[in-house]
Amino acid sequence: MTIGTRITAVALLAVSSVLLGCGRRATTRVPAPRIISHAEWQATPPVGYAADATRRNIRAGDSLTFRDLTIGALQTTVDSSVTPAADVVRLRLRNGPTLEEQVVREGAAFNWHGYHVAVVAIYGPGELGAGLVALEVGALASLPANVVASAIAGGADLRLRVPHRITHVTLHHTGSAQPLLPTDDPREKLRGLQSWGARDRNWWDVPYHYLIDLDGRIYEGRDWRFMGETNTTYDPAGHFLISVIGNYGRQDATPSQLVAIADLMSWAIDQFDVPLDHIGGHYNYAETTCPGPGLRKYLEDGTFRRMVAERLEH
């Protein structure tokens, strides 16, 4: 059995309970668009473990709450007493009446009052996500033994897949440095995104659920049953993430892409019973320009909502 499929019985129960409540209808009005499967483009199969867990990027002074555990990031500093120097964060942990502070190095993990806490990354000046601390928290009862025993956060293969109930449909772009060109191979771009995410961000797969190329072809990304990823502070739990390959701050969306986005949004809205007014862009939830002016204008002028409404009426 592969690393991506080995999960405990408790974790499977947690995932199933979420999926049973995800709002899917017995019958749907909108057919699923044609999807190019993950296996047709992937560099490697997705990894990670399904678990009762969460992952967030928070700033110093902010906190996250998971079940009865609250973790605050009080301060990030650099420990120069070790070689090489290491980024550290002071965490305040609270579970009911129990309160404790710990100074934790980047890349460390520990167990505390029934939870496994991993400081996946501390992003410093000049890094993507500067000032953010990436924290992952999982209930010990839902984790495999190797994660429970780990004193390191580890890479992509130790990440936790977070089940979620879809409540929003959110548009992104991949935000590559250069626009996507007709001569570019979108599969190569996706493999690059997957490899970069695993190497530089410790993501268990690409961060988005579906991705779209210039010709409107739709590629399967991360399993939609699990929360996506972000380099910003918003919580992507509940968001069905659609991303358009390229940089739409430097290029305009093609007609084929607009059709594909509307088709995919319509299917998701119908499949998960999401309100039309829960269609949005990344910029609605975080300080970012994503998905760029070349796509954002169609969100702001109501184009996508009109296209989706038309599809839902048929």
C-alpha atoms as a PDB file:
ATOM      1  CA  MET A   1       0.000   0.000   0.000  1.00  0.00           C
ATOM      2  CA  THR A   2       1.420   3.426  -0.914  1.00  0.00           C
ATOM      3  CA  ILE A   3       2.203   6.207   1.536  1.00  0.00           C
ATOM      4  CA  GLY A   4      -0.693   8.230   0.134  1.00  0.00           C
ATOM      5  CA  THR A   5      -3.271   5.542   0.861  1.00  0.00           C
ATOM      6  CA  ARG A   6      -2.198   4.243   4.272  1.00  0.00           C
ATOM      7  CA  ILE A   7      -4.526   5.794   6.824  1.00  0.00           C
ATOM      8  CA  THR A   8      -5.791   4.637  10.159  1.00  0.00           C
ATOM      9  CA  ALA A   9      -9.344   3.476  10.711  1.00  0.00           C
ATOM     10  CA  VAL A  10      -9.970   6.539  12.842  1.00  0.00           C
ATOM     11  CA  ALA A  11      -8.767   8.871  10.089  1.00  0.00           C
ATOM     12  CA  LEU A  12     -10.943   7.110   7.536  1.00  0.00           C
ATOM     13  CA  LEU A  13     -13.959   7.533   9.789  1.00  0.00           C
ATOM     14  CA  ALA A  14     -13.207  11.243  10.179  1.00  0.00           C
ATOM     15  CA  VAL A  15     -12.914  11.701   6.419  1.00  0.00           C
ATOM     16  CA  SER A  16     -16.106   9.754   5.720  1.00  0.00           C
ATOM     17  CA  SER A  17     -18.118  11.781   8.212  1.00  0.00           C
ATOM     18  CA  VAL A  18     -17.059  15.003   6.511  1.00  0.00           C
ATOM     19  CA  LEU A  19     -17.785  13.750   3.016  1.00  0.00           C
ATOM     20  CA  LEU A  20     -21.223  12.485   3.941  1.00  0.00           C
ATOM     21  CA  GLY A  21     -22.075  16.017   5.019  1.00  0.00           C
ATOM     22  CA  CYS A  22     -20.607  17.837   2.026  1.00  0.00           C
ATOM     23  CA  GLY A  23     -23.980  18.766   0.556  1.00  0.00           C
ATOM     24  CA  ARG A  24     -23.883  16.518  -2.530  1.00  0.00           C
ATOM     25  CA  ARG A  25     -27.276  15.909  -4.099  1.00  0.00           C
ATOM     26  CA  ALA A  26     -28.648  12.526  -5.087  1.00  0.00           C
ATOM     27  CA  THR A  27     -29.279  13.918  -8.596  1.00  0.00           C
ATOM     28  CA  THR A  28     -27.518  16.769 -10.328  1.00  0.00           C
ATOM     29  CA  ARG A  29     -28.485  19.096 -13.167  1.00  0.00           C
ATOM     30  CA  VAL A  30     -25.065  19.854 -14.563  1.00  0.00           C
ATOM     31  CA  PRO A  31     -22.874  17.142 -16.126  1.00  0.00           C
ATOM     32  CA  ALA A  32     -19.231  16.960 -15.130  1.00  0.00           C
ATOM     33  CA  PRO A  33     -16.936  18.528 -17.749  1.00  0.00           C
ATOM     34  CA  ARG A  34     -14.279  16.421 -19.407  1.00  0.00           C
ATOM     35  CA  ILE A  35     -11.301  16.125 -17.073  1.00  0.00           C
ATOM     36  CA  ILE A  36      -7.727  15.099 -17.864  1.00  0.00           C
ATOM     37  CA  SER A  37      -6.811  12.753 -15.031  1.00  0.00           C
ATOM     38  CA  HIS A  38      -4.010  13.382 -12.566  1.00  0.00           C
ATOM     39  CA  ALA A  39      -2.241  10.213 -13.757  1.00  0.00           C
ATOM     40  CA  GLU A  40      -1.980  11.644 -17.286  1.00  0.00           C
ATOM     41  CA  TRP A  41       0.261  14.554 -16.281  1.00  0.00           C
ATOM     42  CA  GLN A  42       1.732  13.948 -12.807  1.00  0.00           C
ATOM     43  CA  ALA A  43       5.416  13.924 -11.980  1.00  0.00           C
ATOM     44  CA  THR A  44       4.659  11.549  -9.087  1.00  0.00           C
ATOM     45  CA  PRO A  45       1.469  10.296  -7.413  1.00  0.00           C
ATOM     46  CA  PRO A  46       0.170  12.433  -4.531  1.00  0.00           C
ATOM     47  CA  VAL A  47       1.468  11.543  -1.076  1.00  0.00           C
ATOM     48  CA  GLY A  48       0.436  12.411   2.488  1.00  0.00           C
ATOM     49  CA  TYR A  49      -2.056  10.979   4.984  1.00  0.00           C
ATOM     50  CA  ALA A  50      -5.759  11.644   5.405  1.00  0.00           C
ATOM     51  CA  ALA A  51      -6.319  12.760   8.983  1.00  0.00           C
ATOM     52  CA  ASP A  52      -8.418  14.772  11.382  1.00  0.00           C
ATOM     53  CA  ALA A  53      -6.257  17.858  10.999  1.00  0.00           C
ATOM     54  CA  THR A  54      -5.780  21.425   9.838  1.00  0.00           C
ATOM     55  CA  ARG A  55      -3.006  23.524   8.322  1.00  0.00           C
ATOM     56  CA  ARG A  56      -2.739  27.314   8.344  1.00  0.00           C
ATOM     57  CA  ASN A  57      -0.299  30.111   7.676  1.00  0.00           C
ATOM     58  CA  ILE A  58      -0.420  32.627  10.520  1.00  0.00           C
ATOM     59  CA  ARG A  59       1.486  35.781  11.395  1.00  0.00           C
ATOM     60  CA  ALA A  60       3.095  36.562  14.719  1.00  0.00           C
ATOM     61  CA  GLY A  61       0.300  37.735  16.988  1.00  0.00           C
ATOM     62  CA  ASP A  62      -2.314  35.531  15.292  1.00  0.00           C
ATOM     63  CA  SER A  63      -3.612  32.123  16.323  1.00  0.00           C
ATOM     64  CA  LEU A  64      -5.432  29.089  14.986  1.00  0.00           C
ATOM     65  CA  THR A  65      -8.024  26.981  16.749  1.00  0.00           C
ATOM     66  CA  PHE A  66      -8.545  23.297  16.032  1.00  0.00           C
ATOM     67  CA  ARG A  67     -11.150  21.497  18.119  1.00  0.00           C
ATOM     68  CA  ASP A  68     -10.239  22.309  21.756  1.00  0.00           C
ATOM     69  CA  LEU A  69      -6.686  23.402  20.967  1.00  0.00           C
ATOM     70  CA  THR A  70      -5.626  26.995  20.309  1.00  0.00           C
ATOM     71  CA  ILE A  71      -2.112  27.822  19.126  1.00  0.00           C
ATOM     72  CA  GLY A  72      -0.804  31.370  18.974  1.00  0.00           C
ATOM     73  CA  ALA A  73       2.406  32.432  17.279  1.00  0.00           C
ATOM     74  CA  LEU A  74       3.815  35.036  19.651  1.00  0.00           C
ATOM     75  CA  GLN A  75       7.123  35.886  18.016  1.00  0.00           C
ATOM     76  CA  THR A  76       9.517  34.642  15.350  1.00  0.00           C
ATOM     77  CA  THR A  77      13.271  35.083  15.755  1.00  0.00           C
ATOM     78  CA  VAL A  78      16.540  33.665  14.507  1.00  0.00           C
ATOM     79  CA  ASP A  79      18.529  31.432  16.838  1.00  0.00           C
ATOM     80  CA  SER A  80      22.154  32.301  16.048  1.00  0.00           C
ATOM     81  CA  SER A  81      23.524  30.108  18.828  1.00  0.00           C
ATOM     82  CA  VAL A  82      23.389  27.105  16.503  1.00  0.00           C
ATOM     83  CA  THR A  83      25.156  26.475  13.199  1.00  0.00           C
ATOM     84  CA  PRO A  84      23.609  27.034  10.799  1.00  0.00           C
ATOM     85  CA  ALA A  85      21.354  29.663  12.363  1.00  0.00           C
ATOM     86  CA  ALA A  86      17.737  28.510  12.656  1.00  0.00           C
ATOM     87  CA  ASP A  87      14.384  30.305  12.541  1.00  0.00           C
ATOM     88  CA  VAL A  88      12.340  29.736  15.693  1.00  0.00           C
ATOM     89  CA  VAL A  89       8.843  30.651  16.824  1.00  0.00           C
ATOM     90  CA  ARG A  90       7.449  31.065  20.315  1.00  0.00           C
ATOM     91  CA  LEU A  91       4.108  29.261  20.473  1.00  0.00           C
ATOM     92  CA  ARG A  92       1.411  29.636  23.111  1.00  0.00           C
ATOM     93  CA  LEU A  93      -0.664  26.469  23.408  1.00  0.00           C
ATOM     94  CA  ARG A  94      -3.987  26.318  25.213  1.00  0.00           C
ATOM     95  CA  ASN A  95      -6.234  23.316  25.805  1.00  0.00           C
ATOM     96  CA  GLY A  96      -8.987  24.078  28.297  1.00  0.00           C
ATOM     97  CA  PRO A  97      -7.318  25.282  31.506  1.00  0.00           C
ATOM     98  CA  THR A  98      -3.863  24.111  30.383  1.00  0.00           C
ATOM     99  CA  LEU A  99      -1.603  26.855  29.016  1.00  0.00           C
ATOM    100  CA  GLU A 100       2.012  26.448  27.931  1.00  0.00           C
ATOM    101  CA  GLU A 101       4.595  28.299  25.866  1.00  0.00           C
ATOM    102  CA  GLN A 102       7.254  26.587  23.787  1.00  0.00           C
ATOM    103  CA  VAL A 103      10.044  27.851  21.547  1.00  0.00           C
ATOM    104  CA  VAL A 104      10.099  25.628  18.466  1.00  0.00           C
ATOM    105  CA  ARG A 105      12.559  25.505  15.585  1.00  0.00           C
ATOM    106  CA  GLU A 106      11.437  25.561  11.980  1.00  0.00           C
ATOM    107  CA  GLY A 107      10.927  22.001  10.795  1.00  0.00           C
ATOM    108  CA  ALA A 108      10.299  20.554  14.262  1.00  0.00           C
ATOM    109  CA  ALA A 109       7.246  18.627  15.452  1.00  0.00           C
ATOM    110  CA  PHE A 110       5.943  17.564  18.863  1.00  0.00           C
ATOM    111  CA  ASN A 111       2.931  15.980  20.571  1.00  0.00           C
ATOM    112  CA  TRP A 112       0.895  17.948  23.087  1.00  0.00           C
ATOM    113  CA  HIS A 113      -2.339  16.967  24.875  1.00  0.00           C
ATOM    114  CA  GLY A 114      -3.627  14.631  22.180  1.00  0.00           C
ATOM    115  CA  TYR A 115      -2.362  16.582  19.169  1.00  0.00           C
ATOM    116  CA  HIS A 116       0.617  16.475  16.834  1.00  0.00           C
ATOM    117  CA  VAL A 117       1.934  19.951  16.024  1.00  0.00           C
ATOM    118  CA  ALA A 118       4.366  20.558  13.158  1.00  0.00           C
ATOM    119  CA  VAL A 119       6.101  23.856  12.428  1.00  0.00           C
ATOM    120  CA  VAL A 120       6.308  23.165   8.701  1.00  0.00           C
ATOM    121  CA  ALA A 121       7.990  26.455   7.797  1.00  0.00           C
ATOM    122  CA  ILE A 122       8.851  29.932   9.034  1.00  0.00           C
ATOM    123  CA  TYR A 123       9.088  32.256   6.055  1.00  0.00           C
ATOM    124  CA  GLY A 124      11.607  35.053   6.464  1.00  0.00           C
ATOM    125  CA  PRO A 125      12.303  38.325   4.609  1.00  0.00           C
ATOM    126  CA  GLY A 126      12.524  37.895   0.862  1.00  0.00           C
ATOM    127  CA  GLU A 127      10.727  34.538   0.871  1.00  0.00           C
ATOM    128  CA  LEU A 128       7.285  33.896  -0.588  1.00  0.00           C
ATOM    129  CA  GLY A 129       4.960  34.239   2.393  1.00  0.00           C
ATOM    130  CA  ALA A 130       7.418  36.377   4.352  1.00  0.00           C
ATOM    131  CA  GLY A 131       6.345  36.789   7.964  1.00  0.00           C
ATOM    132  CA  LEU A 132       4.139  33.686   7.996  1.00  0.00           C
ATOM    133  CA  VAL A 133       4.452  30.541  10.082  1.00  0.00           C
ATOM    134  CA  ALA A 134       3.051  27.382   8.466  1.00  0.00           C
ATOM    135  CA  LEU A 135       1.525  25.201  11.183  1.00  0.00           C
ATOM    136  CA  GLU A 136      -0.032  21.771  10.810  1.00  0.00           C
ATOM    137  CA  VAL A 137      -2.065  20.223  13.610  1.00  0.00           C
ATOM    138  CA  GLY A 138      -3.558  16.733  13.715  1.00  0.00           C
ATOM    139  CA  ALA A 139      -5.440  14.706  16.302  1.00  0.00           C
ATOM    140  CA  LEU A 140      -3.088  11.924  17.423  1.00  0.00           C
ATOM    141  CA  ALA A 141      -5.835   9.296  17.247  1.00  0.00           C
ATOM    142  CA  SER A 142      -6.190   9.870  13.485  1.00  0.00           C
ATOM    143  CA  LEU A 143      -2.486   9.684  12.596  1.00  0.00           C
ATOM    144  CA  PRO A 144      -0.287   6.785  11.502  1.00  0.00           C
ATOM    145  CA  ALA A 145       2.412   5.690  13.938  1.00  0.00           C
ATOM    146  CA  ASN A 146       5.297   7.197  11.979  1.00  0.00           C
ATOM    147  CA  VAL A 147       3.765  10.683  12.101  1.00  0.00           C
ATOM    148  CA  VAL A 148       2.940  10.379  15.806  1.00  0.00           C
ATOM    149  CA  ALA A 149       6.542   9.382  16.537  1.00  0.00           C
ATOM    150  CA  SER A 150       8.147  12.056  14.356  1.00  0.00           C
ATOM    151  CA  ALA A 151      10.050  14.913  15.983  1.00  0.00           C
ATOM    152  CA  ILE A 152      10.423  16.611  12.611  1.00  0.00           C
ATOM    153  CA  ALA A 153       7.759  18.183  10.446  1.00  0.00           C
ATOM    154  CA  GLY A 154       9.269  16.464   7.427  1.00  0.00           C
ATOM    155  CA  GLY A 155       8.543  17.040   3.767  1.00  0.00           C
ATOM    156  CA  ALA A 156       5.600  16.419   1.484  1.00  0.00           C
ATOM    157  CA  ASP A 157       5.427  12.719   2.344  1.00  0.00           C
ATOM    158  CA  LEU A 158       4.611  13.488   6.003  1.00  0.00           C
ATOM    159  CA  ARG A 159       1.929  16.066   5.287  1.00  0.00           C
ATOM    160  CA  LEU A 160      -1.663  15.597   6.405  1.00  0.00           C
ATOM    161  CA  ARG A 161      -4.585  15.650   3.988  1.00  0.00           C
ATOM    162  CA  VAL A 162      -7.327  17.759   5.542  1.00  0.00           C
ATOM    163  CA  PRO A 163     -10.914  16.710   4.679  1.00  0.00           C
ATOM    164  CA  HIS A 164     -13.379  19.532   4.196  1.00  0.00           C
ATOM    165  CA  ARG A 165     -16.959  20.391   3.265  1.00  0.00           C
ATOM    166  CA  ILE A 166     -17.111  22.519   0.096  1.00  0.00           C
ATOM    167  CA  THR A 167     -18.942  25.817   0.649  1.00  0.00           C
ATOM    168  CA  HIS A 168     -17.223  28.180  -1.839  1.00  0.00           C
ATOM    169  CA  VAL A 169     -15.934  28.124  -5.413  1.00  0.00           C
ATOM    170  CA  THR A 170     -12.759  30.195  -5.649  1.00  0.00           C
ATOM    171  CA  LEU A 171     -10.744  31.199  -8.710  1.00  0.00           C
ATOM    172  CA  HIS A 172      -6.942  31.460  -8.747  1.00  0.00           C
ATOM    173  CA  HIS A 173      -4.163  31.675 -11.290  1.00  0.00           C
ATOM    174  CA  THR A 174      -0.861  29.859 -10.894  1.00  0.00           C
ATOM    175  CA  GLY A 175       0.916  33.232 -11.015  1.00  0.00           C
ATOM    176  CA  SER A 176       3.962  32.025 -12.912  1.00  0.00           C
ATOM    177  CA  ALA A 177       6.643  34.607 -13.675  1.00  0.00           C
ATOM    178  CA  GLN A 178       5.828  34.501 -17.380  1.00  0.00           C
ATOM    179  CA  PRO A 179       2.491  34.265 -19.213  1.00  0.00           C
ATOM    180  CA  LEU A 180       1.450  30.861 -20.508  1.00  0.00           C
ATOM    181  CA  LEU A 181       2.186  30.701 -24.253  1.00  0.00           C
ATOM    182  CA  PRO A 182       0.524  28.548 -26.931  1.00  0.00           C
ATOM    183  CA  THR A 183       3.894  26.844 -27.446  1.00  0.00           C
ATOM    184  CA  ASP A 184       4.171  25.860 -23.765  1.00  0.00           C
ATOM    185  CA  ASP A 185       3.339  22.332 -22.627  1.00  0.00           C
ATOM    186  CA  PRO A 186       0.723  22.685 -19.834  1.00  0.00           C
ATOM    187  CA  ARG A 187       1.536  19.211 -18.516  1.00  0.00           C
ATOM    188  CA  GLU A 188       5.136  20.277 -18.038  1.00  0.00           C
ATOM    189  CA  LYS A 189       3.927  23.377 -16.171  1.00  0.00           C
ATOM    190  CA  LEU A 190       1.805  21.194 -13.891  1.00  0.00           C
ATOM    191  CA  ARG A 191       4.675  18.828 -13.187  1.00  0.00           C
ATOM    192  CA  GLY A 192       6.834  21.820 -12.343  1.00  0.00           C
ATOM    193  CA  LEU A 193       4.172  23.173  -9.987  1.00  0.00           C
ATOM    194  CA  GLN A 194       3.845  19.811  -8.264  1.00  0.00           C
ATOM    195  CA  SER A 195       7.613  19.410  -7.860  1.00  0.00           C
ATOM    196  CA  TRP A 196       8.086  22.982  -6.623  1.00  0.00           C
ATOM    197  CA  GLY A 197       5.224  22.614  -4.150  1.00  0.00           C
ATOM    198  CA  ALA A 198       6.709  19.439  -2.691  1.00  0.00           C
ATOM    199  CA  ARG A 199      10.269  20.772  -2.576  1.00  0.00           C
ATOM    200  CA  ASP A 200       9.763  24.385  -1.505  1.00  0.00           C
ATOM    201  CA  ARG A 201       6.396  24.362   0.313  1.00  0.00           C
ATOM    202  CA  ASN A 202       6.124  20.775   1.625  1.00  0.00           C
ATOM    203  CA  TRP A 203       2.748  20.300  -0.131  1.00  0.00           C
ATOM    204  CA  TRP A 204       1.521  16.745  -0.693  1.00  0.00           C
ATOM    205  CA  ASP A 205       0.204  17.662  -4.158  1.00  0.00           C
ATOM    206  CA  VAL A 206      -0.498  20.700  -6.316  1.00  0.00           C
ATOM    207  CA  PRO A 207      -2.431  23.268  -4.272  1.00  0.00           C
ATOM    208  CA  TYR A 208      -5.538  23.483  -6.507  1.00  0.00           C
ATOM    209  CA  HIS A 209      -8.328  21.014  -7.218  1.00  0.00           C
ATOM    210  CA  TYR A 210      -8.543  21.697 -10.967  1.00  0.00           C
ATOM    211  CA  LEU A 211      -6.375  23.638 -13.416  1.00  0.00           C
ATOM    212  CA  ILE A 212      -7.127  25.024 -16.884  1.00  0.00           C
ATOM    213  CA  ASP A 213      -4.855  25.652 -19.885  1.00  0.00           C
ATOM    214  CA  LEU A 214      -5.162  28.146 -22.772  1.00  0.00           C
ATOM    215  CA  ASP A 215      -7.392  25.835 -24.808  1.00  0.00           C
ATOM    216  CA  GLY A 216      -9.810  25.327 -21.937  1.00  0.00           C
ATOM    217  CA  ARG A 217      -8.652  21.809 -21.121  1.00  0.00           C
ATOM    218  CA  ILE A 218      -9.303  20.953 -17.485  1.00  0.00           C
ATOM    219  CA  TYR A 219      -6.724  18.983 -15.501  1.00  0.00           C
ATOM    220  CA  GLU A 220      -7.410  17.112 -12.297  1.00  0.00           C
ATOM    221  CA  GLY A 221      -5.307  18.452  -9.452  1.00  0.00           C
ATOM    222  CA  ARG A 222      -5.479  17.766  -5.736  1.00  0.00           C
ATOM    223  CA  ASP A 223      -8.340  15.502  -4.655  1.00  0.00           C
ATOM    224  CA  TRP A 224     -11.269  17.880  -4.053  1.00  0.00           C
ATOM    225  CA  ARG A 225     -12.246  15.985  -0.912  1.00  0.00           C
ATOM    226  CA  PHE A 226      -9.253  17.590   0.810  1.00  0.00           C
ATOM    227  CA  MET A 227      -8.400  21.221   1.538  1.00  0.00           C
ATOM    228  CA  GLY A 228      -6.137  23.082  -0.896  1.00  0.00           C
ATOM    229  CA  GLU A 229      -3.105  25.202  -0.108  1.00  0.00           C
ATOM    230  CA  THR A 230      -2.200  28.878  -0.087  1.00  0.00           C
ATOM    231  CA  ASN A 231       0.856  31.079   0.347  1.00  0.00           C
ATOM    232  CA  THR A 232      -1.337  33.642   2.133  1.00  0.00           C
ATOM    233  CA  THR A 233      -3.238  33.773   5.416  1.00  0.00           C
ATOM    234  CA  TYR A 234      -6.739  32.813   4.318  1.00  0.00           C
ATOM    235  CA  ASP A 235      -8.176  29.440   5.321  1.00  0.00           C
ATOM    236  CA  PRO A 236      -8.787  27.406   2.125  1.00  0.00           C
ATOM    237  CA  ALA A 237     -10.909  24.819   3.950  1.00  0.00           C
ATOM    238  CA  GLY A 238     -14.291  24.699   2.209  1.00  0.00           C
ATOM    239  CA  HIS A 239     -12.991  26.261  -1.004  1.00  0.00           C
ATOM    240  CA  PHE A 240     -13.237  24.397  -4.315  1.00  0.00           C
ATOM    241  CA  LEU A 241     -10.081  25.751  -5.934  1.00  0.00           C
ATOM    242  CA  ILE A 242      -9.978  26.371  -9.687  1.00  0.00           C
ATOM    243  CA  SER A 243      -6.701  27.718 -11.052  1.00  0.00           C
ATOM    244  CA  VAL A 244      -5.872  28.968 -14.535  1.00  0.00           C
ATOM    245  CA  ILE A 245      -2.330  28.145 -15.644  1.00  0.00           C
ATOM    246  CA  GLY A 246      -0.298  31.285 -16.355  1.00  0.00           C
ATOM    247  CA  ASN A 247      -0.079  34.865 -15.139  1.00  0.00           C
ATOM    248  CA  TYR A 248      -3.265  36.871 -15.673  1.00  0.00           C
ATOM    249  CA  GLY A 249      -1.625  40.013 -14.467  1.00  0.00           C
ATOM    250  CA  ARG A 250       0.297  39.786 -17.751  1.00  0.00           C
ATOM    251  CA  GLN A 251      -2.169  38.083 -20.077  1.00  0.00           C
ATOM    252  CA  ASP A 252      -5.897  37.932 -20.750  1.00  0.00           C
ATOM    253  CA  ALA A 253      -8.065  34.860 -20.400  1.00  0.00           C
ATOM    254  CA  THR A 254      -9.009  33.162 -23.669  1.00  0.00           C
ATOM    255  CA  PRO A 255     -12.655  32.537 -24.662  1.00  0.00           C
ATOM    256  CA  SER A 256     -12.031  28.797 -24.240  1.00  0.00           C
ATOM    257  CA  GLN A 257     -10.827  29.368 -20.688  1.00  0.00           C
ATOM    258  CA  LEU A 258     -13.905  31.403 -19.793  1.00  0.00           C
ATOM    259  CA  VAL A 259     -16.143  28.578 -21.004  1.00  0.00           C
ATOM    260  CA  ALA A 260     -14.143  25.968 -19.099  1.00  0.00           C
ATOM    261  CA  ILE A 261     -14.170  28.035 -15.896  1.00  0.00           C
ATOM    262  CA  ALA A 262     -17.944  28.490 -16.132  1.00  0.00           C
ATOM    263  CA  ASP A 263     -18.477  24.781 -16.866  1.00  0.00           C
ATOM    264  CA  LEU A 264     -16.375  23.755 -13.887  1.00  0.00           C
ATOM    265  CA  MET A 265     -17.920  26.340 -11.577  1.00  0.00           C
ATOM    266  CA  SER A 266     -21.419  25.227 -12.633  1.00  0.00           C
ATOM    267  CA  TRP A 267     -20.655  21.595 -11.938  1.00  0.00           C
ATOM    268  CA  ALA A 268     -19.220  22.419  -8.503  1.00  0.00           C
ATOM    269  CA  ILE A 269     -22.085  24.757  -7.582  1.00  0.00           C
ATOM    270  CA  ASP A 270     -24.579  22.049  -8.519  1.00  0.00           C
ATOM    271  CA  GLN A 271     -22.659  19.098  -7.113  1.00  0.00           C
ATOM    272  CA  PHE A 272     -22.039  20.638  -3.692  1.00  0.00           C
ATOM    273  CA  ASP A 273     -25.092  22.902  -3.451  1.00  0.00           C
ATOM    274  CA  VAL A 274     -23.000  26.070  -3.180  1.00  0.00           C
ATOM    275  CA  PRO A 275     -24.823  29.446  -3.372  1.00  0.00           C
ATOM    276  CA  LEU A 276     -24.095  31.542  -6.470  1.00  0.00           C
ATOM    277  CA  ASP A 277     -22.878  34.399  -4.313  1.00  0.00           C
ATOM    278  CA  HIS A 278     -20.125  32.130  -2.986  1.00  0.00           C
ATOM    279  CA  ILE A 279     -18.261  32.359  -6.282  1.00  0.00           C
ATOM    280  CA  GLY A 280     -15.180  34.489  -5.695  1.00  0.00           C
ATOM    281  CA  GLY A 281     -11.505  35.024  -6.307  1.00  0.00           C
ATOM    282  CA  HIS A 282      -8.475  34.543  -4.114  1.00  0.00           C
ATOM    283  CA  TYR A 283      -8.321  38.326  -3.631  1.00  0.00           C
ATOM    284  CA  ASN A 284     -11.673  38.226  -1.814  1.00  0.00           C
ATOM    285  CA  TYR A 285     -10.077  36.333   1.069  1.00  0.00           C
ATOM    286  CA  ALA A 286      -6.458  37.511   1.260  1.00  0.00           C
ATOM    287  CA  GLU A 287      -4.166  40.423   0.468  1.00  0.00           C
ATOM    288  CA  THR A 288      -3.328  39.392  -3.089  1.00  0.00           C
ATOM    289  CA  THR A 289      -4.095  40.368  -6.699  1.00  0.00           C
ATOM    290  CA  CYS A 290      -4.749  36.715  -7.623  1.00  0.00           C
ATOM    291  CA  PRO A 291      -6.215  35.706 -10.088  1.00  0.00           C
ATOM    292  CA  GLY A 292      -4.974  38.876 -11.801  1.00  0.00           C
ATOM    293  CA  PRO A 293      -6.867  41.574 -13.766  1.00  0.00           C
ATOM    294  CA  GLY A 294      -7.182  39.276 -16.806  1.00  0.00           C
ATOM    295  CA  LEU A 295      -9.570  37.078 -14.805  1.00  0.00           C
ATOM    296  CA  ARG A 296     -10.682  39.291 -11.934  1.00  0.00           C
ATOM    297  CA  LYS A 297     -12.741  41.536 -14.227  1.00  0.00           C
ATOM    298  CA  TYR A 298     -15.034  38.614 -15.075  1.00  0.00           C
ATOM    299  CA  LEU A 299     -15.674  38.026 -11.389  1.00  0.00           C
ATOM    300  CA  GLU A 300     -16.346  41.675 -10.651  1.00  0.00           C
ATOM    301  CA  ASP A 301     -18.658  42.389 -13.607  1.00  0.00           C
ATOM    302  CA  GLY A 302     -20.761  39.284 -12.911  1.00  0.00           C
ATOM    303  CA  THR A 303     -19.783  37.430 -16.106  1.00  0.00           C
ATOM    304  CA  PHE A 304     -19.019  34.148 -14.371  1.00  0.00           C
ATOM    305  CA  ARG A 305     -22.151  34.262 -12.232  1.00  0.00           C
ATOM    306  CA  ARG A 306     -24.299  34.888 -15.304  1.00  0.00           C
ATOM    307  CA  MET A 307     -22.644  32.054 -17.224  1.00  0.00           C
ATOM    308  CA  VAL A 308     -23.101  29.707 -14.277  1.00  0.00           C
ATOM    309  CA  ALA A 309     -26.742  30.724 -13.769  1.00  0.00           C
ATOM    310  CA  GLU A 310     -27.456  30.038 -17.447  1.00  0.00           C
ATOM    311  CA  ARG A 311     -26.005  26.545 -17.140  1.00  0.00           C
ATOM    312  CA  LEU A 312     -27.966  25.809 -13.992  1.00  0.00           C
ATOM    313  CA  GLU A 313     -31.235  26.759 -15.701  1.00  0.00           C
ATOM    314  CA  HIS A 314     -30.880  24.120 -18.426  1.00  0.00           C
END
